[in-house]
Amino acid sequence: MFAWLRQLPYIEVTPEGLHPHDAVRATLEADLRWRDPERYDDIRARISLAGLHAVRSATADDALLRIAEWMFLFRDHDRPDNLYDHRKHPHIEDAPLRPEDVPAVLRMAEEAEGPASAAAVAHWLRRQPDAFRVHRYTSSTTPVAFMAILRLDAPLPEDRAADPVIAAVWDLVETAAPLGPGEHLGIRRFAVQPGGRQRPSPLMELTSRRTIAEEMRSHGRAVTFTVFEDADRWGRYLAEAGLPEVAAVDVGGLRQHVFGRDWRRQTMEQWVQHRARTALTPLTTWPATASTSGAGDQLPRPAFEEGVLEALRTWHTPREFATSALLHSHLVTPGSPDPAAELRGAITTALDAIQIDPAGVKAHEALTTTYITASRTHRAAARRLGVPYGTYRRHLALAKECLTEQLLRQTATTLPPTLPRQLPRE
């Protein structure tokens, strides 16, 4: 296969592997996405998971390159202002902090964020110097930017007193997501570059790559946070990645915005696969308050629809099914001794209910053939149903709508089904 690919005129051979021409890659991708959108999403999810494994098995120096390769999968998610460009930056060095770097780091912190922030930096330089990374141009020994990812196991009075952001974070964790035995929290506390403001740049891109690599390679991390001054620029991107804003803290007159997630609600393996699916609805990964985050909450319509589709996709993988967003919906009784089994029963009941209407028979057949009996591809499902592929795709799209509407109406006591519209008659 690879020997054959090397001979093709639109394949570039590089030290990192074989690269198809952009036009060829885009054409193949668009064709698969049109022919079988769910298989397209499944392939993206598998690639994303393989990227996670590559990052975890890489050395510390190679991890940034592996992260760049993983992030290339999301190049179409970029905003018009180009948050990431996915390129190498050989002219910039990412390195651990050295003792002689400390004066420059403190100076940059004060110039960019003021004396209060510089005081917090000084505190963490004493407490966790290994948490800091500096960026310098390869032709110079002087740092031009720095970052720090802190690891915290327990709230200490001196940390709270020295850093208002950390004090606010511990208040959040203790209220909504207490740490268990052996767990810790991580926070990308500082990201400072020349001129302040965390605008997109090669320096910020390296900071983001290092932050993601740290997340992927950490063990025992229960919750994670990242801090941005420029929330207007980065907030939407972070929300789409599953990190909602959870706090805003004043540090010496500068507003610092904290974004967070709880990895116990969605594991890293689940997140990288969910992130890769094109019809992405971010899962709720941080409880807003202790009183509004329990089972039985009403999910927003987009999150509910995505939860239904994800439950069908993971029907035969109990571990993933058991983390469904629908477990926090009206389909599961609060305090249920086996919420996954109750959710599976609710979906089965809904599948049975939609075939009561004659038009719903086709919906039931499309869903059960595709997901419950698990045909390998959509074309295989169409062949089993004995219908043209285009007809099958229409049936499946309307079947998902039927099932979603039925589940939205369904309670512990199943209501009579109401189909949203008729399936096409062939």
Protein backbone atom coordinates (compact mmCIF):
# COMPACT_ATOMS: atom_id res chain seq x y z
CA MET A 1 0.00 0.00 0.00
CA PHE A 2 2.62 2.58 1.05
CA ALA A 3 4.96 1.62 -1.77
CA TRP A 4 2.12 2.21 -4.22
CA LEU A 5 1.19 5.54 -2.58
CA ARG A 6 4.78 6.79 -2.86
CA GLN A 7 4.58 6.47 -6.66
CA LEU A 8 1.52 8.69 -7.02
CA PRO A 9 2.15 12.24 -8.26
CA TYR A 10 -0.11 13.84 -5.65
CA ILE A 11 1.62 12.19 -2.65
CA GLU A 12 4.46 14.03 -0.92
CA VAL A 13 7.08 11.93 0.88
CA THR A 14 8.43 13.62 4.03
CA PRO A 15 10.41 12.47 7.10
CA GLU A 16 7.10 12.53 9.03
CA GLY A 17 5.32 10.24 6.53
CA LEU A 18 3.23 10.48 3.36
CA HIS A 19 1.10 13.56 2.74
CA PRO A 20 -1.56 13.77 0.02
CA HIS A 21 -2.01 17.03 -1.85
CA ASP A 22 -4.52 19.30 -0.10
CA ALA A 23 -6.98 19.09 -3.01
CA VAL A 24 -6.88 15.28 -3.03
CA ARG A 25 -7.33 15.08 0.74
CA ALA A 26 -10.26 17.49 0.64
CA THR A 27 -11.92 15.59 -2.22
CA LEU A 28 -11.63 12.19 -0.51
CA GLU A 29 -12.85 13.63 2.77
CA ALA A 30 -15.85 15.37 1.20
CA ASP A 31 -16.79 12.22 -0.73
CA LEU A 32 -16.80 10.01 2.37
CA ARG A 33 -18.67 12.60 4.38
CA TRP A 34 -21.39 12.74 1.72
CA ARG A 35 -21.66 8.98 1.14
CA ASP A 36 -21.65 7.87 4.79
CA PRO A 37 -21.61 10.74 7.32
CA GLU A 38 -21.66 8.47 10.37
CA ARG A 39 -18.80 6.32 9.10
CA TYR A 40 -16.95 9.56 8.36
CA ASP A 41 -17.45 10.61 11.97
CA ASP A 42 -16.42 7.17 13.23
CA ILE A 43 -13.17 7.33 11.25
CA ARG A 44 -12.44 10.80 12.61
CA ALA A 45 -13.08 9.54 16.15
CA ARG A 46 -10.69 6.60 15.61
CA ILE A 47 -8.01 8.94 14.24
CA SER A 48 -8.48 11.26 17.21
CA LEU A 49 -8.10 8.36 19.66
CA ALA A 50 -4.97 7.17 17.83
CA GLY A 51 -3.62 10.71 18.15
CA LEU A 52 -4.17 10.60 21.91
CA HIS A 53 -2.23 7.35 22.15
CA ALA A 54 0.60 8.86 20.07
CA VAL A 55 0.84 11.85 22.42
CA ARG A 56 0.90 9.61 25.47
CA SER A 57 3.64 7.38 24.09
CA ALA A 58 5.82 10.26 22.84
CA THR A 59 8.78 11.72 24.68
CA ALA A 60 8.31 15.13 26.33
CA ASP A 61 10.17 16.80 23.44
CA ASP A 62 8.14 15.01 20.75
CA ALA A 63 4.79 15.54 22.46
CA LEU A 64 4.29 18.99 20.92
CA LEU A 65 4.71 17.61 17.40
CA ARG A 66 2.23 14.82 18.14
CA ILE A 67 -0.22 17.40 19.50
CA ALA A 68 0.14 19.47 16.32
CA GLU A 69 -0.69 16.36 14.28
CA TRP A 70 -3.75 15.68 16.44
CA MET A 71 -4.91 19.30 16.16
CA PHE A 72 -4.69 19.11 12.36
CA LEU A 73 -7.84 16.99 12.55
CA PHE A 74 -9.70 20.11 13.69
CA ARG A 75 -8.36 22.54 11.11
CA ASP A 76 -11.88 23.17 9.78
CA HIS A 77 -13.04 24.21 13.26
CA ASP A 78 -10.86 27.33 13.19
CA ARG A 79 -12.38 30.77 13.40
CA PRO A 80 -11.79 33.39 10.70
CA ASP A 81 -9.18 35.04 12.93
CA ASN A 82 -7.03 31.88 12.77
CA LEU A 83 -6.57 30.74 16.37
CA TYR A 84 -4.22 28.00 15.17
CA ASP A 85 -2.19 27.40 12.04
CA HIS A 86 -0.99 23.83 12.82
CA ARG A 87 2.53 24.54 11.58
CA LYS A 88 5.88 23.86 13.18
CA HIS A 89 7.68 26.77 14.78
CA PRO A 90 11.37 25.79 14.60
CA HIS A 91 12.50 29.35 15.40
CA ILE A 92 10.97 29.15 18.92
CA GLU A 93 12.26 26.94 21.73
CA ASP A 94 9.92 25.55 24.40
CA ALA A 95 12.01 24.68 27.47
CA PRO A 96 11.80 24.19 31.25
CA LEU A 97 12.46 27.20 33.45
CA ARG A 98 16.09 27.82 34.44
CA PRO A 99 17.09 29.80 37.57
CA GLU A 100 18.56 32.57 35.44
CA ASP A 101 15.17 32.98 33.68
CA VAL A 102 13.34 34.09 36.86
CA PRO A 103 14.07 37.86 36.65
CA ALA A 104 12.88 37.99 33.03
CA VAL A 105 9.73 36.03 33.89
CA LEU A 106 8.85 38.39 36.75
CA ARG A 107 9.50 41.42 34.55
CA MET A 108 7.26 40.07 31.77
CA ALA A 109 4.49 39.29 34.27
CA GLU A 110 4.49 42.81 35.68
CA GLU A 111 4.66 44.48 32.26
CA ALA A 112 1.85 42.36 30.83
CA GLU A 113 -0.52 41.91 33.78
CA GLY A 114 0.57 44.27 36.56
CA PRO A 115 2.18 43.96 40.01
CA ALA A 116 -0.59 41.84 41.57
CA SER A 117 -0.21 39.18 38.90
CA ALA A 118 3.59 39.39 39.18
CA ALA A 119 3.28 38.73 42.93
CA ALA A 120 1.24 35.59 42.18
CA VAL A 121 3.88 34.49 39.65
CA ALA A 122 6.61 35.02 42.28
CA HIS A 123 4.68 32.85 44.74
CA TRP A 124 4.36 29.96 42.29
CA LEU A 125 7.97 30.29 41.18
CA ARG A 126 8.87 29.49 44.79
CA ARG A 127 6.22 26.80 45.24
CA GLN A 128 6.29 24.99 41.89
CA PRO A 129 9.21 26.11 39.69
CA ASP A 130 8.91 22.90 37.64
CA ALA A 131 5.41 24.00 36.55
CA PHE A 132 6.87 26.81 34.42
CA ARG A 133 7.93 26.66 30.78
CA VAL A 134 9.66 29.48 28.90
CA HIS A 135 9.76 30.28 25.20
CA ARG A 136 12.81 31.85 23.60
CA TYR A 137 13.94 32.38 20.05
CA THR A 138 16.58 29.89 18.99
CA SER A 139 19.14 32.66 18.38
CA SER A 140 18.75 34.07 21.91
CA THR A 141 18.98 32.94 25.53
CA THR A 142 16.44 35.52 26.75
CA PRO A 143 12.87 34.31 27.42
CA VAL A 144 10.20 36.11 25.39
CA ALA A 145 7.14 34.36 26.87
CA PHE A 146 6.27 31.94 29.64
CA MET A 147 3.49 29.71 30.92
CA ALA A 148 2.75 27.67 34.03
CA ILE A 149 0.58 24.58 34.57
CA LEU A 150 0.08 24.00 38.30
CA ARG A 151 -0.76 20.69 39.93
CA LEU A 152 -2.68 21.03 43.20
CA ASP A 153 -3.72 18.29 45.60
CA ALA A 154 -5.11 20.25 48.53
CA PRO A 155 -6.02 23.87 49.33
CA LEU A 156 -3.30 25.61 51.35
CA PRO A 157 -3.92 28.93 53.16
CA GLU A 158 -0.73 30.47 51.74
CA ASP A 159 -1.79 29.62 48.16
CA ARG A 160 -5.23 31.16 48.65
CA ALA A 161 -3.71 34.30 50.15
CA ALA A 162 -1.12 34.75 47.39
CA ASP A 163 -3.32 34.07 44.36
CA PRO A 164 -7.00 35.16 44.11
CA VAL A 165 -7.54 32.93 41.07
CA ILE A 166 -6.44 29.81 42.96
CA ALA A 167 -8.62 30.82 45.92
CA ALA A 168 -11.64 31.05 43.60
CA VAL A 169 -10.79 27.74 41.95
CA TRP A 170 -10.60 25.91 45.27
CA ASP A 171 -13.95 27.43 46.29
CA LEU A 172 -15.46 26.06 43.07
CA VAL A 173 -13.96 22.61 43.51
CA GLU A 174 -14.94 22.27 47.15
CA THR A 175 -18.51 23.36 46.38
CA ALA A 176 -19.29 21.54 43.14
CA ALA A 177 -16.63 18.90 42.42
CA PRO A 178 -14.67 17.79 45.51
CA LEU A 179 -11.51 15.80 44.87
CA GLY A 180 -11.42 12.15 45.88
CA PRO A 181 -8.50 10.11 47.25
CA GLY A 182 -5.53 10.20 44.87
CA GLU A 183 -7.07 12.90 42.67
CA HIS A 184 -5.68 16.34 41.87
CA LEU A 185 -6.59 19.41 39.85
CA GLY A 186 -4.55 21.04 37.11
CA ILE A 187 -4.68 24.67 36.03
CA ARG A 188 -2.91 26.49 33.23
CA ARG A 189 -2.54 29.54 35.41
CA PHE A 190 -0.26 31.83 33.38
CA ALA A 191 0.29 32.43 29.66
CA VAL A 192 2.25 35.63 29.11
CA GLN A 193 3.68 36.88 25.82
CA PRO A 194 5.11 40.25 24.67
CA GLY A 195 2.60 43.07 24.69
CA GLY A 196 0.18 41.19 26.94
CA ARG A 197 -3.25 40.10 25.68
CA GLN A 198 -3.43 36.46 24.69
CA ARG A 199 -3.87 37.08 20.98
CA PRO A 200 -3.24 34.18 18.56
CA SER A 201 0.47 33.88 17.78
CA PRO A 202 3.13 31.17 17.45
CA LEU A 203 3.93 31.73 21.14
CA MET A 204 0.31 31.22 22.21
CA GLU A 205 0.02 28.23 19.93
CA LEU A 206 2.98 26.54 21.63
CA THR A 207 1.42 27.36 24.99
CA SER A 208 -1.84 25.71 23.92
CA ARG A 209 -0.03 22.65 22.56
CA ARG A 210 1.91 22.23 25.80
CA THR A 211 -1.29 22.62 27.82
CA ILE A 212 -3.15 19.96 25.82
CA ALA A 213 -0.15 17.62 25.96
CA GLU A 214 -0.03 17.99 29.74
CA GLU A 215 -3.74 17.15 29.97
CA MET A 216 -3.42 14.09 27.75
CA ARG A 217 -0.37 12.74 29.59
CA SER A 218 -1.46 13.38 33.19
CA HIS A 219 -2.65 10.66 35.56
CA GLY A 220 -5.17 11.11 38.35
CA ARG A 221 -6.36 14.53 37.19
CA ALA A 222 -9.99 14.94 38.21
CA VAL A 223 -10.63 18.54 37.16
CA THR A 224 -8.77 21.02 35.01
CA PHE A 225 -8.88 24.77 34.48
CA THR A 226 -7.36 27.31 32.14
CA VAL A 227 -7.18 31.08 32.64
CA PHE A 228 -7.58 33.73 29.94
CA GLU A 229 -7.72 37.48 30.13
CA ASP A 230 -9.15 37.72 26.61
CA ALA A 231 -12.39 35.79 27.15
CA ASP A 232 -14.15 37.45 24.20
CA ARG A 233 -11.64 35.94 21.80
CA TRP A 234 -11.19 32.50 23.37
CA GLY A 235 -14.49 31.82 25.15
CA ARG A 236 -16.39 30.36 22.20
CA TYR A 237 -13.51 28.11 21.18
CA LEU A 238 -13.13 26.81 24.75
CA ALA A 239 -16.88 26.24 25.12
CA GLU A 240 -16.90 24.16 21.94
CA ALA A 241 -14.04 22.13 23.41
CA GLY A 242 -16.12 21.44 26.52
CA LEU A 243 -14.59 24.08 28.83
CA PRO A 244 -17.29 26.57 29.86
CA GLU A 245 -16.43 29.70 31.82
CA VAL A 246 -16.85 28.90 35.51
CA ALA A 247 -15.49 32.03 37.23
CA ALA A 248 -14.14 35.53 36.69
CA VAL A 249 -11.67 36.95 39.19
CA ASP A 250 -10.24 40.43 39.64
CA VAL A 251 -6.44 40.41 40.07
CA GLY A 252 -5.11 43.90 40.67
CA GLY A 253 -7.77 45.46 38.46
CA LEU A 254 -7.32 42.91 35.64
CA ARG A 255 -10.22 40.54 34.99
CA GLN A 256 -9.09 36.92 34.73
CA HIS A 257 -11.58 34.42 33.29
CA VAL A 258 -11.44 30.79 34.43
CA PHE A 259 -12.67 27.95 32.19
CA GLY A 260 -12.99 24.44 33.57
CA ARG A 261 -14.08 20.85 33.13
CA ASP A 262 -14.48 17.73 35.26
CA TRP A 263 -12.79 14.71 33.70
CA ARG A 264 -14.91 12.40 35.85
CA ARG A 265 -17.92 13.39 33.75
CA GLN A 266 -16.22 12.60 30.46
CA THR A 267 -12.87 10.80 30.25
CA MET A 268 -10.05 11.96 28.01
CA GLU A 269 -10.62 8.96 25.71
CA GLN A 270 -14.29 9.86 25.37
CA TRP A 271 -13.54 13.54 24.89
CA VAL A 272 -11.09 13.14 22.00
CA GLN A 273 -13.60 10.94 20.16
CA HIS A 274 -16.55 13.21 20.89
CA ARG A 275 -14.52 16.26 19.86
CA ALA A 276 -13.76 14.68 16.47
CA ARG A 277 -17.38 14.16 15.49
CA THR A 278 -18.54 16.87 13.13
CA ALA A 279 -22.07 17.32 14.55
CA LEU A 280 -20.56 18.33 17.86
CA THR A 281 -22.62 19.35 20.85
CA PRO A 282 -20.28 19.81 23.83
CA LEU A 283 -21.21 17.72 26.83
CA THR A 284 -21.78 19.37 30.20
CA THR A 285 -18.43 18.90 31.91
CA TRP A 286 -18.80 21.26 34.87
CA PRO A 287 -21.75 21.56 37.28
CA ALA A 288 -23.05 25.13 37.45
CA THR A 289 -24.17 24.64 41.05
CA ALA A 290 -24.62 21.68 43.33
CA SER A 291 -28.39 22.17 43.25
CA THR A 292 -28.73 22.17 39.46
CA SER A 293 -26.40 19.41 38.42
CA GLY A 294 -28.14 16.32 39.68
CA ALA A 295 -29.84 13.55 37.74
CA GLY A 296 -33.13 14.41 36.12
CA ASP A 297 -32.07 17.84 34.79
CA GLN A 298 -33.56 18.95 31.48
CA LEU A 299 -30.93 18.97 28.75
CA PRO A 300 -30.96 21.63 26.02
CA ARG A 301 -32.53 20.32 22.80
CA PRO A 302 -29.22 20.13 20.83
CA ALA A 303 -27.50 18.26 23.67
CA PHE A 304 -30.46 15.87 23.94
CA GLU A 305 -30.41 15.14 20.20
CA GLU A 306 -26.67 14.50 20.27
CA GLY A 307 -27.14 12.29 23.34
CA VAL A 308 -29.70 10.15 21.50
CA LEU A 309 -27.37 9.66 18.55
CA GLU A 310 -24.40 8.92 20.82
CA ALA A 311 -26.45 6.37 22.79
CA LEU A 312 -27.31 4.56 19.56
CA ARG A 313 -23.68 4.61 18.39
CA THR A 314 -22.46 3.17 21.71
CA TRP A 315 -25.30 0.65 22.13
CA HIS A 316 -22.84 -2.26 21.98
CA THR A 317 -20.09 -0.61 24.08
CA PRO A 318 -21.48 -0.58 27.65
CA ARG A 319 -18.62 1.45 29.13
CA GLU A 320 -19.27 4.40 26.80
CA PHE A 321 -23.05 3.98 26.99
CA ALA A 322 -22.79 4.28 30.78
CA THR A 323 -21.47 7.86 30.44
CA SER A 324 -24.28 9.11 28.17
CA ALA A 325 -25.45 12.68 28.62
CA LEU A 326 -29.00 11.27 28.67
CA LEU A 327 -28.33 9.86 32.14
CA HIS A 328 -28.91 13.45 33.34
CA SER A 329 -32.21 13.78 31.45
CA HIS A 330 -35.84 13.11 32.33
CA LEU A 331 -35.47 9.56 30.94
CA VAL A 332 -33.69 8.38 34.09
CA THR A 333 -35.24 8.49 37.55
CA PRO A 334 -33.15 10.49 40.07
CA GLY A 335 -31.34 8.08 42.37
CA SER A 336 -31.86 5.10 40.04
CA PRO A 337 -29.85 2.05 41.21
CA ASP A 338 -28.91 1.26 37.57
CA PRO A 339 -29.28 4.43 35.45
CA ALA A 340 -27.64 2.90 32.35
CA ALA A 341 -30.09 0.00 32.34
CA GLU A 342 -33.00 2.41 32.84
CA LEU A 343 -31.81 4.55 29.93
CA ARG A 344 -31.43 1.49 27.71
CA GLY A 345 -34.97 0.46 28.65
CA ALA A 346 -36.31 3.93 27.84
CA ILE A 347 -34.72 3.86 24.37
CA THR A 348 -36.01 0.33 23.72
CA THR A 349 -39.51 1.41 24.76
CA ALA A 350 -39.32 4.39 22.42
CA LEU A 351 -38.11 2.20 19.53
CA ASP A 352 -41.06 -0.14 20.09
CA ALA A 353 -43.48 2.77 20.38
CA ILE A 354 -42.62 4.45 17.08
CA GLN A 355 -43.57 1.34 15.05
CA ILE A 356 -47.18 1.47 16.31
CA ASP A 357 -47.91 4.01 13.56
CA PRO A 358 -47.63 2.35 10.11
CA ALA A 359 -45.25 5.06 8.92
CA GLY A 360 -43.06 4.39 11.95
CA VAL A 361 -42.30 0.82 10.85
CA LYS A 362 -39.70 2.09 8.39
CA ALA A 363 -38.16 4.26 11.11
CA HIS A 364 -37.94 1.29 13.46
CA GLU A 365 -36.36 -0.89 10.77
CA ALA A 366 -33.80 1.75 9.82
CA LEU A 367 -32.71 2.33 13.42
CA THR A 368 -32.59 -1.30 14.53
CA THR A 369 -30.76 -2.44 11.39
CA THR A 370 -28.19 0.37 11.65
CA TYR A 371 -27.54 0.40 15.40
CA ILE A 372 -29.18 -2.42 17.34
CA THR A 373 -28.17 -5.28 15.04
CA ALA A 374 -25.12 -3.20 14.06
CA SER A 375 -24.56 -3.40 10.32
CA ARG A 376 -20.93 -2.66 9.52
CA THR A 377 -21.67 0.25 7.17
CA HIS A 378 -24.68 2.25 6.08
CA ARG A 379 -24.52 0.69 2.62
CA ALA A 380 -24.65 -2.75 4.25
CA ALA A 381 -27.71 -1.64 6.23
CA ALA A 382 -29.37 -0.43 3.03
CA ARG A 383 -28.74 -3.81 1.38
CA ARG A 384 -30.23 -5.64 4.37
CA LEU A 385 -33.32 -3.45 4.18
CA GLY A 386 -33.57 -3.94 0.41
CA VAL A 387 -33.82 -0.26 -0.43
CA PRO A 388 -31.63 2.10 -2.50
CA TYR A 389 -28.94 3.88 -0.52
CA GLY A 390 -30.49 7.31 -1.05
CA THR A 391 -33.84 6.05 0.24
CA TYR A 392 -32.14 4.47 3.25
CA ARG A 393 -30.45 7.76 4.15
CA ARG A 394 -33.80 9.58 4.07
CA HIS A 395 -35.41 6.89 6.20
CA LEU A 396 -32.57 7.01 8.73
CA ALA A 397 -32.61 10.81 9.04
CA LEU A 398 -36.36 10.86 9.64
CA ALA A 399 -36.08 7.85 11.96
CA LYS A 400 -33.68 9.73 14.23
CA GLU A 401 -36.16 12.59 14.34
CA CYS A 402 -38.99 10.22 15.21
CA LEU A 403 -37.02 8.62 18.01
CA THR A 404 -35.88 11.94 19.44
CA GLU A 405 -39.43 13.33 19.47
CA GLN A 406 -40.72 10.16 21.13
CA LEU A 407 -38.01 10.28 23.81
CA LEU A 408 -38.69 13.97 24.47
CA ARG A 409 -42.34 13.11 25.13
CA GLN A 410 -41.60 9.95 27.05
CA THR A 411 -41.60 9.83 30.85
CA ALA A 412 -41.38 7.05 33.39
CA THR A 413 -44.92 6.22 32.30
CA THR A 414 -44.68 6.04 28.52
CA LEU A 415 -47.03 8.36 26.66
CA PRO A 416 -48.65 7.41 23.34
CA PRO A 417 -46.21 8.13 20.54
CA THR A 418 -46.65 11.11 18.25
CA LEU A 419 -44.63 11.11 15.06
CA PRO A 420 -43.38 14.53 13.88
CA ARG A 421 -44.07 13.82 10.21
CA GLN A 422 -44.64 10.99 7.77
CA LEU A 423 -41.82 8.95 6.30
CA PRO A 424 -41.73 8.90 2.50
CA ARG A 425 -43.64 6.06 0.89
CA GLU A 426 -41.69 4.27 -1.82
